Amino acid sequence: MLRETPDNLDALIREEKQRVAAEFIEEAWNHALQEGIEPSIMAESGLIALLTKFHAHDGENAVVRLIDDLPERLDCGEFDPDRVIQ
């Protein structure tokens, strides 16, 4: 059994928050699709809205770091709905 360290606990809390946030976004996505909004419009509008809020909260450098990390995350298959994690 792993000892719960402050770093481990922080990581577990962050993972849970990410899971809940993803559920909220998935719910909004599905609602918009039911309203007839195309996925491409949802994706672009959502990214712009979220990055704008992120910029207001954490600043331009945080947004730049996130955007700079996207190509590598894409190459690793992070956004592939059919990816298999081993």
PDB file of N, CA and C in Angstrom:
ATOM      1  N   MET A   1       0.831  -1.186   0.000  1.00  0.00           N
ATOM      2  CA  MET A   1       0.000   0.000   0.000  1.00  0.00           C
ATOM      3  C   MET A   1       0.878   1.253   0.000  1.00  0.00           C
ATOM      4  N   LEU A   2       0.511   2.218  -0.810  1.00  0.00           N
ATOM      5  CA  LEU A   2       1.272   3.453  -0.875  1.00  0.00           C
ATOM      6  C   LEU A   2       0.985   4.320   0.340  1.00  0.00           C
ATOM      7  N   ARG A   3       2.034   4.905   0.867  1.00  0.00           N
ATOM      8  CA  ARG A   3       1.840   5.867   1.953  1.00  0.00           C
ATOM      9  C   ARG A   3       1.289   7.148   1.363  1.00  0.00           C
ATOM     10  N   GLU A   4       0.343   7.703   2.046  1.00  0.00           N
ATOM     11  CA  GLU A   4      -0.220   8.967   1.577  1.00  0.00           C
ATOM     12  C   GLU A   4       0.679  10.106   2.019  1.00  0.00           C
ATOM     13  N   THR A   5       1.346  10.675   1.065  1.00  0.00           N
ATOM     14  CA  THR A   5       2.191  11.827   1.314  1.00  0.00           C
ATOM     15  C   THR A   5       1.445  13.060   0.841  1.00  0.00           C
ATOM     16  N   PRO A   6       1.855  14.231   1.293  1.00  0.00           N
ATOM     17  CA  PRO A   6       1.175  15.443   0.812  1.00  0.00           C
ATOM     18  C   PRO A   6       1.185  15.560  -0.720  1.00  0.00           C
ATOM     19  N   ASP A   7       2.312  15.184  -1.354  1.00  0.00           N
ATOM     20  CA  ASP A   7       2.381  15.256  -2.816  1.00  0.00           C
ATOM     21  C   ASP A   7       1.428  14.262  -3.453  1.00  0.00           C
ATOM     22  N   ASN A   8       1.380  13.036  -2.914  1.00  0.00           N
ATOM     23  CA  ASN A   8       0.493  12.011  -3.441  1.00  0.00           C
ATOM     24  C   ASN A   8      -0.963  12.442  -3.266  1.00  0.00           C
ATOM     25  N   LEU A   9      -1.295  12.966  -2.104  1.00  0.00           N
ATOM     26  CA  LEU A   9      -2.653  13.413  -1.839  1.00  0.00           C
ATOM     27  C   LEU A   9      -3.031  14.561  -2.767  1.00  0.00           C
ATOM     28  N   ASP A  10      -2.127  15.501  -2.962  1.00  0.00           N
ATOM     29  CA  ASP A  10      -2.381  16.611  -3.883  1.00  0.00           C
ATOM     30  C   ASP A  10      -2.637  16.104  -5.294  1.00  0.00           C
ATOM     31  N   ALA A  11      -1.865  15.106  -5.721  1.00  0.00           N
ATOM     32  CA  ALA A  11      -2.043  14.537  -7.062  1.00  0.00           C
ATOM     33  C   ALA A  11      -3.398  13.851  -7.180  1.00  0.00           C
ATOM     34  N   LEU A  12      -3.797  13.123  -6.157  1.00  0.00           N
ATOM     35  CA  LEU A  12      -5.105  12.455  -6.174  1.00  0.00           C
ATOM     36  C   LEU A  12      -6.244  13.463  -6.207  1.00  0.00           C
ATOM     37  N   ILE A  13      -6.120  14.530  -5.442  1.00  0.00           N
ATOM     38  CA  ILE A  13      -7.146  15.583  -5.443  1.00  0.00           C
ATOM     39  C   ILE A  13      -7.227  16.233  -6.810  1.00  0.00           C
ATOM     40  N   ARG A  14      -6.062  16.520  -7.403  1.00  0.00           N
ATOM     41  CA  ARG A  14      -6.044  17.132  -8.742  1.00  0.00           C
ATOM     42  C   ARG A  14      -6.704  16.215  -9.776  1.00  0.00           C
ATOM     43  N   GLU A  15      -6.388  14.917  -9.727  1.00  0.00           N
ATOM     44  CA  GLU A  15      -6.992  13.960 -10.659  1.00  0.00           C
ATOM     45  C   GLU A  15      -8.505  13.923 -10.512  1.00  0.00           C
ATOM     46  N   GLU A  16      -8.995  13.943  -9.294  1.00  0.00           N
ATOM     47  CA  GLU A  16     -10.438  13.926  -9.063  1.00  0.00           C
ATOM     48  C   GLU A  16     -11.091  15.206  -9.585  1.00  0.00           C
ATOM     49  N   LYS A  17     -10.457  16.340  -9.355  1.00  0.00           N
ATOM     50  CA  LYS A  17     -10.976  17.603  -9.875  1.00  0.00           C
ATOM     51  C   LYS A  17     -11.006  17.587 -11.404  1.00  0.00           C
ATOM     52  N   GLN A  18      -9.965  17.027 -12.023  1.00  0.00           N
ATOM     53  CA  GLN A  18      -9.930  16.938 -13.483  1.00  0.00           C
ATOM     54  C   GLN A  18     -11.044  16.038 -13.999  1.00  0.00           C
ATOM     55  N   ARG A  19     -11.291  14.937 -13.304  1.00  0.00           N
ATOM     56  CA  ARG A  19     -12.366  14.022 -13.701  1.00  0.00           C
ATOM     57  C   ARG A  19     -13.728  14.713 -13.621  1.00  0.00           C
ATOM     58  N   VAL A  20     -13.978  15.418 -12.536  1.00  0.00           N
ATOM     59  CA  VAL A  20     -15.261  16.114 -12.361  1.00  0.00           C
ATOM     60  C   VAL A  20     -15.401  17.229 -13.399  1.00  0.00           C
ATOM     61  N   ALA A  21     -14.333  17.981 -13.630  1.00  0.00           N
ATOM     62  CA  ALA A  21     -14.382  19.040 -14.637  1.00  0.00           C
ATOM     63  C   ALA A  21     -14.684  18.463 -16.013  1.00  0.00           C
ATOM     64  N   ALA A  22     -14.054  17.354 -16.350  1.00  0.00           N
ATOM     65  CA  ALA A  22     -14.301  16.704 -17.649  1.00  0.00           C
ATOM     66  C   ALA A  22     -15.758  16.268 -17.761  1.00  0.00           C
ATOM     67  N   GLU A  23     -16.336  15.795 -16.675  1.00  0.00           N
ATOM     68  CA  GLU A  23     -17.753  15.410 -16.691  1.00  0.00           C
ATOM     69  C   GLU A  23     -18.650  16.614 -16.957  1.00  0.00           C
ATOM     70  N   PHE A  24     -18.344  17.755 -16.337  1.00  0.00           N
ATOM     71  CA  PHE A  24     -19.122  18.976 -16.573  1.00  0.00           C
ATOM     72  C   PHE A  24     -19.039  19.400 -18.043  1.00  0.00           C
ATOM     73  N   ILE A  25     -17.837  19.355 -18.588  1.00  0.00           N
ATOM     74  CA  ILE A  25     -17.642  19.761 -19.983  1.00  0.00           C
ATOM     75  C   ILE A  25     -18.343  18.787 -20.916  1.00  0.00           C
ATOM     76  N   GLU A  26     -18.267  17.502 -20.639  1.00  0.00           N
ATOM     77  CA  GLU A  26     -18.951  16.483 -21.444  1.00  0.00           C
ATOM     78  C   GLU A  26     -20.462  16.717 -21.440  1.00  0.00           C
ATOM     79  N   GLU A  27     -20.997  17.057 -20.279  1.00  0.00           N
ATOM     80  CA  GLU A  27     -22.430  17.332 -20.162  1.00  0.00           C
ATOM     81  C   GLU A  27     -22.827  18.546 -21.010  1.00  0.00           C
ATOM     82  N   ALA A  28     -22.035  19.610 -20.938  1.00  0.00           N
ATOM     83  CA  ALA A  28     -22.313  20.801 -21.742  1.00  0.00           C
ATOM     84  C   ALA A  28     -22.207  20.486 -23.233  1.00  0.00           C
ATOM     85  N   TRP A  29     -21.186  19.701 -23.607  1.00  0.00           N
ATOM     86  CA  TRP A  29     -20.989  19.303 -25.005  1.00  0.00           C
ATOM     87  C   TRP A  29     -22.221  18.561 -25.519  1.00  0.00           C
ATOM     88  N   ASN A  30     -22.664  17.569 -24.760  1.00  0.00           N
ATOM     89  CA  ASN A  30     -23.827  16.771 -25.171  1.00  0.00           C
ATOM     90  C   ASN A  30     -25.084  17.617 -25.270  1.00  0.00           C
ATOM     91  N   HIS A  31     -25.257  18.547 -24.350  1.00  0.00           N
ATOM     92  CA  HIS A  31     -26.420  19.438 -24.396  1.00  0.00           C
ATOM     93  C   HIS A  31     -26.390  20.293 -25.666  1.00  0.00           C
ATOM     94  N   ALA A  32     -25.235  20.826 -25.995  1.00  0.00           N
ATOM     95  CA  ALA A  32     -25.111  21.655 -27.200  1.00  0.00           C
ATOM     96  C   ALA A  32     -25.386  20.832 -28.453  1.00  0.00           C
ATOM     97  N   LEU A  33     -24.895  19.598 -28.502  1.00  0.00           N
ATOM     98  CA  LEU A  33     -25.169  18.736 -29.653  1.00  0.00           C
ATOM     99  C   LEU A  33     -26.666  18.491 -29.797  1.00  0.00           C
ATOM    100  N   GLN A  34     -27.347  18.274 -28.673  1.00  0.00           N
ATOM    101  CA  GLN A  34     -28.795  18.073 -28.703  1.00  0.00           C
ATOM    102  C   GLN A  34     -29.529  19.311 -29.210  1.00  0.00           C
ATOM    103  N   GLU A  35     -28.915  20.478 -29.021  1.00  0.00           N
ATOM    104  CA  GLU A  35     -29.496  21.738 -29.498  1.00  0.00           C
ATOM    105  C   GLU A  35     -29.139  22.016 -30.960  1.00  0.00           C
ATOM    106  N   GLY A  36     -28.373  21.113 -31.563  1.00  0.00           N
ATOM    107  CA  GLY A  36     -28.048  21.243 -32.977  1.00  0.00           C
ATOM    108  C   GLY A  36     -26.775  22.009 -33.287  1.00  0.00           C
ATOM    109  N   ILE A  37     -25.948  22.244 -32.300  1.00  0.00           N
ATOM    110  CA  ILE A  37     -24.686  22.949 -32.527  1.00  0.00           C
ATOM    111  C   ILE A  37     -23.636  21.938 -32.984  1.00  0.00           C
ATOM    112  N   GLU A  38     -22.984  22.241 -34.101  1.00  0.00           N
ATOM    113  CA  GLU A  38     -22.006  21.342 -34.686  1.00  0.00           C
ATOM    114  C   GLU A  38     -20.764  21.215 -33.801  1.00  0.00           C
ATOM    115  N   PRO A  39     -20.131  20.028 -33.801  1.00  0.00           N
ATOM    116  CA  PRO A  39     -18.933  19.820 -32.985  1.00  0.00           C
ATOM    117  C   PRO A  39     -17.817  20.827 -33.268  1.00  0.00           C
ATOM    118  N   SER A  40     -17.616  21.197 -34.530  1.00  0.00           N
ATOM    119  CA  SER A  40     -16.532  22.147 -34.833  1.00  0.00           C
ATOM    120  C   SER A  40     -16.804  23.511 -34.208  1.00  0.00           C
ATOM    121  N   ILE A  41     -18.061  23.933 -34.197  1.00  0.00           N
ATOM    122  CA  ILE A  41     -18.414  25.210 -33.569  1.00  0.00           C
ATOM    123  C   ILE A  41     -18.246  25.110 -32.056  1.00  0.00           C
ATOM    124  N   MET A  42     -18.670  23.989 -31.478  1.00  0.00           N
ATOM    125  CA  MET A  42     -18.503  23.781 -30.042  1.00  0.00           C
ATOM    126  C   MET A  42     -17.021  23.808 -29.666  1.00  0.00           C
ATOM    127  N   ALA A  43     -16.201  23.103 -30.438  1.00  0.00           N
ATOM    128  CA  ALA A  43     -14.772  23.019 -30.116  1.00  0.00           C
ATOM    129  C   ALA A  43     -14.118  24.394 -30.138  1.00  0.00           C
ATOM    130  N   GLU A  44     -14.338  25.133 -31.217  1.00  0.00           N
ATOM    131  CA  GLU A  44     -13.696  26.445 -31.319  1.00  0.00           C
ATOM    132  C   GLU A  44     -14.224  27.414 -30.270  1.00  0.00           C
ATOM    133  N   SER A  45     -15.539  27.443 -30.112  1.00  0.00           N
ATOM    134  CA  SER A  45     -16.132  28.356 -29.126  1.00  0.00           C
ATOM    135  C   SER A  45     -15.702  27.985 -27.710  1.00  0.00           C
ATOM    136  N   GLY A  46     -15.691  26.692 -27.431  1.00  0.00           N
ATOM    137  CA  GLY A  46     -15.296  26.244 -26.104  1.00  0.00           C
ATOM    138  C   GLY A  46     -13.850  26.568 -25.796  1.00  0.00           C
ATOM    139  N   LEU A  47     -12.965  26.304 -26.754  1.00  0.00           N
ATOM    140  CA  LEU A  47     -11.547  26.602 -26.535  1.00  0.00           C
ATOM    141  C   LEU A  47     -11.324  28.090 -26.291  1.00  0.00           C
ATOM    142  N   ILE A  48     -11.949  28.916 -27.096  1.00  0.00           N
ATOM    143  CA  ILE A  48     -11.779  30.361 -26.938  1.00  0.00           C
ATOM    144  C   ILE A  48     -12.310  30.808 -25.577  1.00  0.00           C
ATOM    145  N   ALA A  49     -13.507  30.342 -25.209  1.00  0.00           N
ATOM    146  CA  ALA A  49     -14.087  30.728 -23.919  1.00  0.00           C
ATOM    147  C   ALA A  49     -13.218  30.263 -22.750  1.00  0.00           C
ATOM    148  N   LEU A  50     -12.770  29.008 -22.808  1.00  0.00           N
ATOM    149  CA  LEU A  50     -11.967  28.472 -21.717  1.00  0.00           C
ATOM    150  C   LEU A  50     -10.598  29.151 -21.631  1.00  0.00           C
ATOM    151  N   LEU A  51      -9.969  29.392 -22.763  1.00  0.00           N
ATOM    152  CA  LEU A  51      -8.665  30.064 -22.736  1.00  0.00           C
ATOM    153  C   LEU A  51      -8.789  31.500 -22.253  1.00  0.00           C
ATOM    154  N   THR A  52      -9.892  32.153 -22.605  1.00  0.00           N
ATOM    155  CA  THR A  52     -10.127  33.519 -22.126  1.00  0.00           C
ATOM    156  C   THR A  52     -10.272  33.534 -20.607  1.00  0.00           C
ATOM    157  N   LYS A  53     -11.050  32.605 -20.060  1.00  0.00           N
ATOM    158  CA  LYS A  53     -11.215  32.513 -18.603  1.00  0.00           C
ATOM    159  C   LYS A  53      -9.891  32.156 -17.934  1.00  0.00           C
ATOM    160  N   PHE A  54      -9.149  31.219 -18.530  1.00  0.00           N
ATOM    161  CA  PHE A  54      -7.860  30.803 -17.998  1.00  0.00           C
ATOM    162  C   PHE A  54      -6.891  31.982 -17.978  1.00  0.00           C
ATOM    163  N   HIS A  55      -6.874  32.763 -19.052  1.00  0.00           N
ATOM    164  CA  HIS A  55      -6.017  33.947 -19.143  1.00  0.00           C
ATOM    165  C   HIS A  55      -6.370  34.933 -18.036  1.00  0.00           C
ATOM    166  N   ALA A  56      -7.656  35.161 -17.830  1.00  0.00           N
ATOM    167  CA  ALA A  56      -8.087  36.106 -16.797  1.00  0.00           C
ATOM    168  C   ALA A  56      -7.682  35.628 -15.400  1.00  0.00           C
ATOM    169  N   HIS A  57      -7.669  34.322 -15.196  1.00  0.00           N
ATOM    170  CA  HIS A  57      -7.366  33.779 -13.870  1.00  0.00           C
ATOM    171  C   HIS A  57      -5.870  33.584 -13.633  1.00  0.00           C
ATOM    172  N   ASP A  58      -5.157  33.030 -14.623  1.00  0.00           N
ATOM    173  CA  ASP A  58      -3.753  32.651 -14.420  1.00  0.00           C
ATOM    174  C   ASP A  58      -2.758  33.447 -15.266  1.00  0.00           C
ATOM    175  N   GLY A  59      -3.240  34.234 -16.219  1.00  0.00           N
ATOM    176  CA  GLY A  59      -2.349  35.082 -16.993  1.00  0.00           C
ATOM    177  C   GLY A  59      -1.907  34.490 -18.325  1.00  0.00           C
ATOM    178  N   GLU A  60      -1.306  35.357 -19.109  1.00  0.00           N
ATOM    179  CA  GLU A  60      -0.892  34.996 -20.461  1.00  0.00           C
ATOM    180  C   GLU A  60       0.139  33.882 -20.490  1.00  0.00           C
ATOM    181  N   ASN A  61       1.102  33.898 -19.587  1.00  0.00           N
ATOM    182  CA  ASN A  61       2.150  32.877 -19.597  1.00  0.00           C
ATOM    183  C   ASN A  61       1.580  31.481 -19.379  1.00  0.00           C
ATOM    184  N   ALA A  62       0.588  31.362 -18.537  1.00  0.00           N
ATOM    185  CA  ALA A  62      -0.035  30.053 -18.295  1.00  0.00           C
ATOM    186  C   ALA A  62      -0.731  29.554 -19.559  1.00  0.00           C
ATOM    187  N   VAL A  63      -1.386  30.467 -20.277  1.00  0.00           N
ATOM    188  CA  VAL A  63      -2.053  30.089 -21.521  1.00  0.00           C
ATOM    189  C   VAL A  63      -1.024  29.661 -22.564  1.00  0.00           C
ATOM    190  N   VAL A  64       0.051  30.395 -22.664  1.00  0.00           N
ATOM    191  CA  VAL A  64       1.113  30.058 -23.623  1.00  0.00           C
ATOM    192  C   VAL A  64       1.697  28.684 -23.304  1.00  0.00           C
ATOM    193  N   ARG A  65       1.960  28.402 -22.032  1.00  0.00           N
ATOM    194  CA  ARG A  65       2.509  27.087 -21.645  1.00  0.00           C
ATOM    195  C   ARG A  65       1.545  25.969 -22.030  1.00  0.00           C
ATOM    196  N   LEU A  66       0.262  26.181 -21.768  1.00  0.00           N
ATOM    197  CA  LEU A  66      -0.734  25.167 -22.114  1.00  0.00           C
ATOM    198  C   LEU A  66      -0.761  24.925 -23.618  1.00  0.00           C
ATOM    199  N   ILE A  67      -0.798  25.993 -24.389  1.00  0.00           N
ATOM    200  CA  ILE A  67      -0.855  25.873 -25.848  1.00  0.00           C
ATOM    201  C   ILE A  67       0.426  25.238 -26.390  1.00  0.00           C
ATOM    202  N   ASP A  68       1.564  25.602 -25.823  1.00  0.00           N
ATOM    203  CA  ASP A  68       2.842  25.025 -26.272  1.00  0.00           C
ATOM    204  C   ASP A  68       2.909  23.525 -26.018  1.00  0.00           C
ATOM    205  N   ASP A  69       2.228  23.039 -24.978  1.00  0.00           N
ATOM    206  CA  ASP A  69       2.234  21.609 -24.654  1.00  0.00           C
ATOM    207  C   ASP A  69       1.293  20.791 -25.541  1.00  0.00           C
ATOM    208  N   LEU A  70       0.371  21.426 -26.223  1.00  0.00           N
ATOM    209  CA  LEU A  70      -0.652  20.698 -26.979  1.00  0.00           C
ATOM    210  C   LEU A  70      -0.095  19.814 -28.098  1.00  0.00           C
ATOM    211  N   PRO A  71       0.857  20.277 -28.911  1.00  0.00           N
ATOM    212  CA  PRO A  71       1.357  19.385 -29.976  1.00  0.00           C
ATOM    213  C   PRO A  71       1.926  18.072 -29.452  1.00  0.00           C
ATOM    214  N   GLU A  72       2.694  18.128 -28.373  1.00  0.00           N
ATOM    215  CA  GLU A  72       3.263  16.900 -27.811  1.00  0.00           C
ATOM    216  C   GLU A  72       2.151  15.993 -27.263  1.00  0.00           C
ATOM    217  N   ARG A  73       1.177  16.581 -26.609  1.00  0.00           N
ATOM    218  CA  ARG A  73       0.068  15.796 -26.070  1.00  0.00           C
ATOM    219  C   ARG A  73      -0.731  15.170 -27.201  1.00  0.00           C
ATOM    220  N   LEU A  74      -0.881  15.878 -28.299  1.00  0.00           N
ATOM    221  CA  LEU A  74      -1.562  15.339 -29.476  1.00  0.00           C
ATOM    222  C   LEU A  74      -0.765  14.181 -30.060  1.00  0.00           C
ATOM    223  N   ASP A  75       0.546  14.363 -30.193  1.00  0.00           N
ATOM    224  CA  ASP A  75       1.416  13.297 -30.712  1.00  0.00           C
ATOM    225  C   ASP A  75       1.368  12.043 -29.846  1.00  0.00           C
ATOM    226  N   CYS A  76       1.184  12.214 -28.548  1.00  0.00           N
ATOM    227  CA  CYS A  76       1.125  11.078 -27.621  1.00  0.00           C
ATOM    228  C   CYS A  76      -0.250  10.409 -27.613  1.00  0.00           C
ATOM    229  N   GLY A  77      -1.189  10.961 -28.367  1.00  0.00           N
ATOM    230  CA  GLY A  77      -2.507  10.349 -28.462  1.00  0.00           C
ATOM    231  C   GLY A  77      -3.461  10.712 -27.338  1.00  0.00           C
ATOM    232  N   GLU A  78      -3.132  11.725 -26.571  1.00  0.00           N
ATOM    233  CA  GLU A  78      -3.956  12.085 -25.420  1.00  0.00           C
ATOM    234  C   GLU A  78      -5.402  12.431 -25.807  1.00  0.00           C
ATOM    235  N   PHE A  79      -5.606  12.939 -26.998  1.00  0.00           N
ATOM    236  CA  PHE A  79      -6.944  13.370 -27.406  1.00  0.00           C
ATOM    237  C   PHE A  79      -7.671  12.332 -28.265  1.00  0.00           C
ATOM    238  N   ASP A  80      -7.048  11.188 -28.456  1.00  0.00           N
ATOM    239  CA  ASP A  80      -7.645  10.116 -29.253  1.00  0.00           C
ATOM    240  C   ASP A  80      -8.648   9.348 -28.385  1.00  0.00           C
ATOM    241  N   PRO A  81      -9.930   9.400 -28.747  1.00  0.00           N
ATOM    242  CA  PRO A  81     -10.930   8.721 -27.906  1.00  0.00           C
ATOM    243  C   PRO A  81     -10.769   7.208 -27.889  1.00  0.00           C
ATOM    244  N   ASP A  82     -10.015   6.655 -28.840  1.00  0.00           N
ATOM    245  CA  ASP A  82      -9.831   5.198 -28.907  1.00  0.00           C
ATOM    246  C   ASP A  82      -8.493   4.745 -28.336  1.00  0.00           C
ATOM    247  N   ARG A  83      -7.745   5.653 -27.727  1.00  0.00           N
ATOM    248  CA  ARG A  83      -6.414   5.275 -27.214  1.00  0.00           C
ATOM    249  C   ARG A  83      -6.564   4.279 -26.076  1.00  0.00           C
ATOM    250  N   VAL A  84      -5.582   3.429 -25.989  1.00  0.00           N
ATOM    251  CA  VAL A  84      -5.534   2.416 -24.939  1.00  0.00           C
ATOM    252  C   VAL A  84      -4.367   2.735 -24.032  1.00  0.00           C
ATOM    253  N   ILE A  85      -4.642   2.875 -22.745  1.00  0.00           N
ATOM    254  CA  ILE A  85      -3.594   3.148 -21.775  1.00  0.00           C
ATOM    255  C   ILE A  85      -3.153   1.825 -21.176  1.00  0.00           C
ATOM    256  N   GLN A  86      -1.858   1.562 -21.276  1.00  0.00           N
ATOM    257  CA  GLN A  86      -1.336   0.295 -20.771  1.00  0.00           C
ATOM    258  C   GLN A  86      -0.689   0.444 -19.433  1.00  0.00           C
TER     259      GLN A  86
END
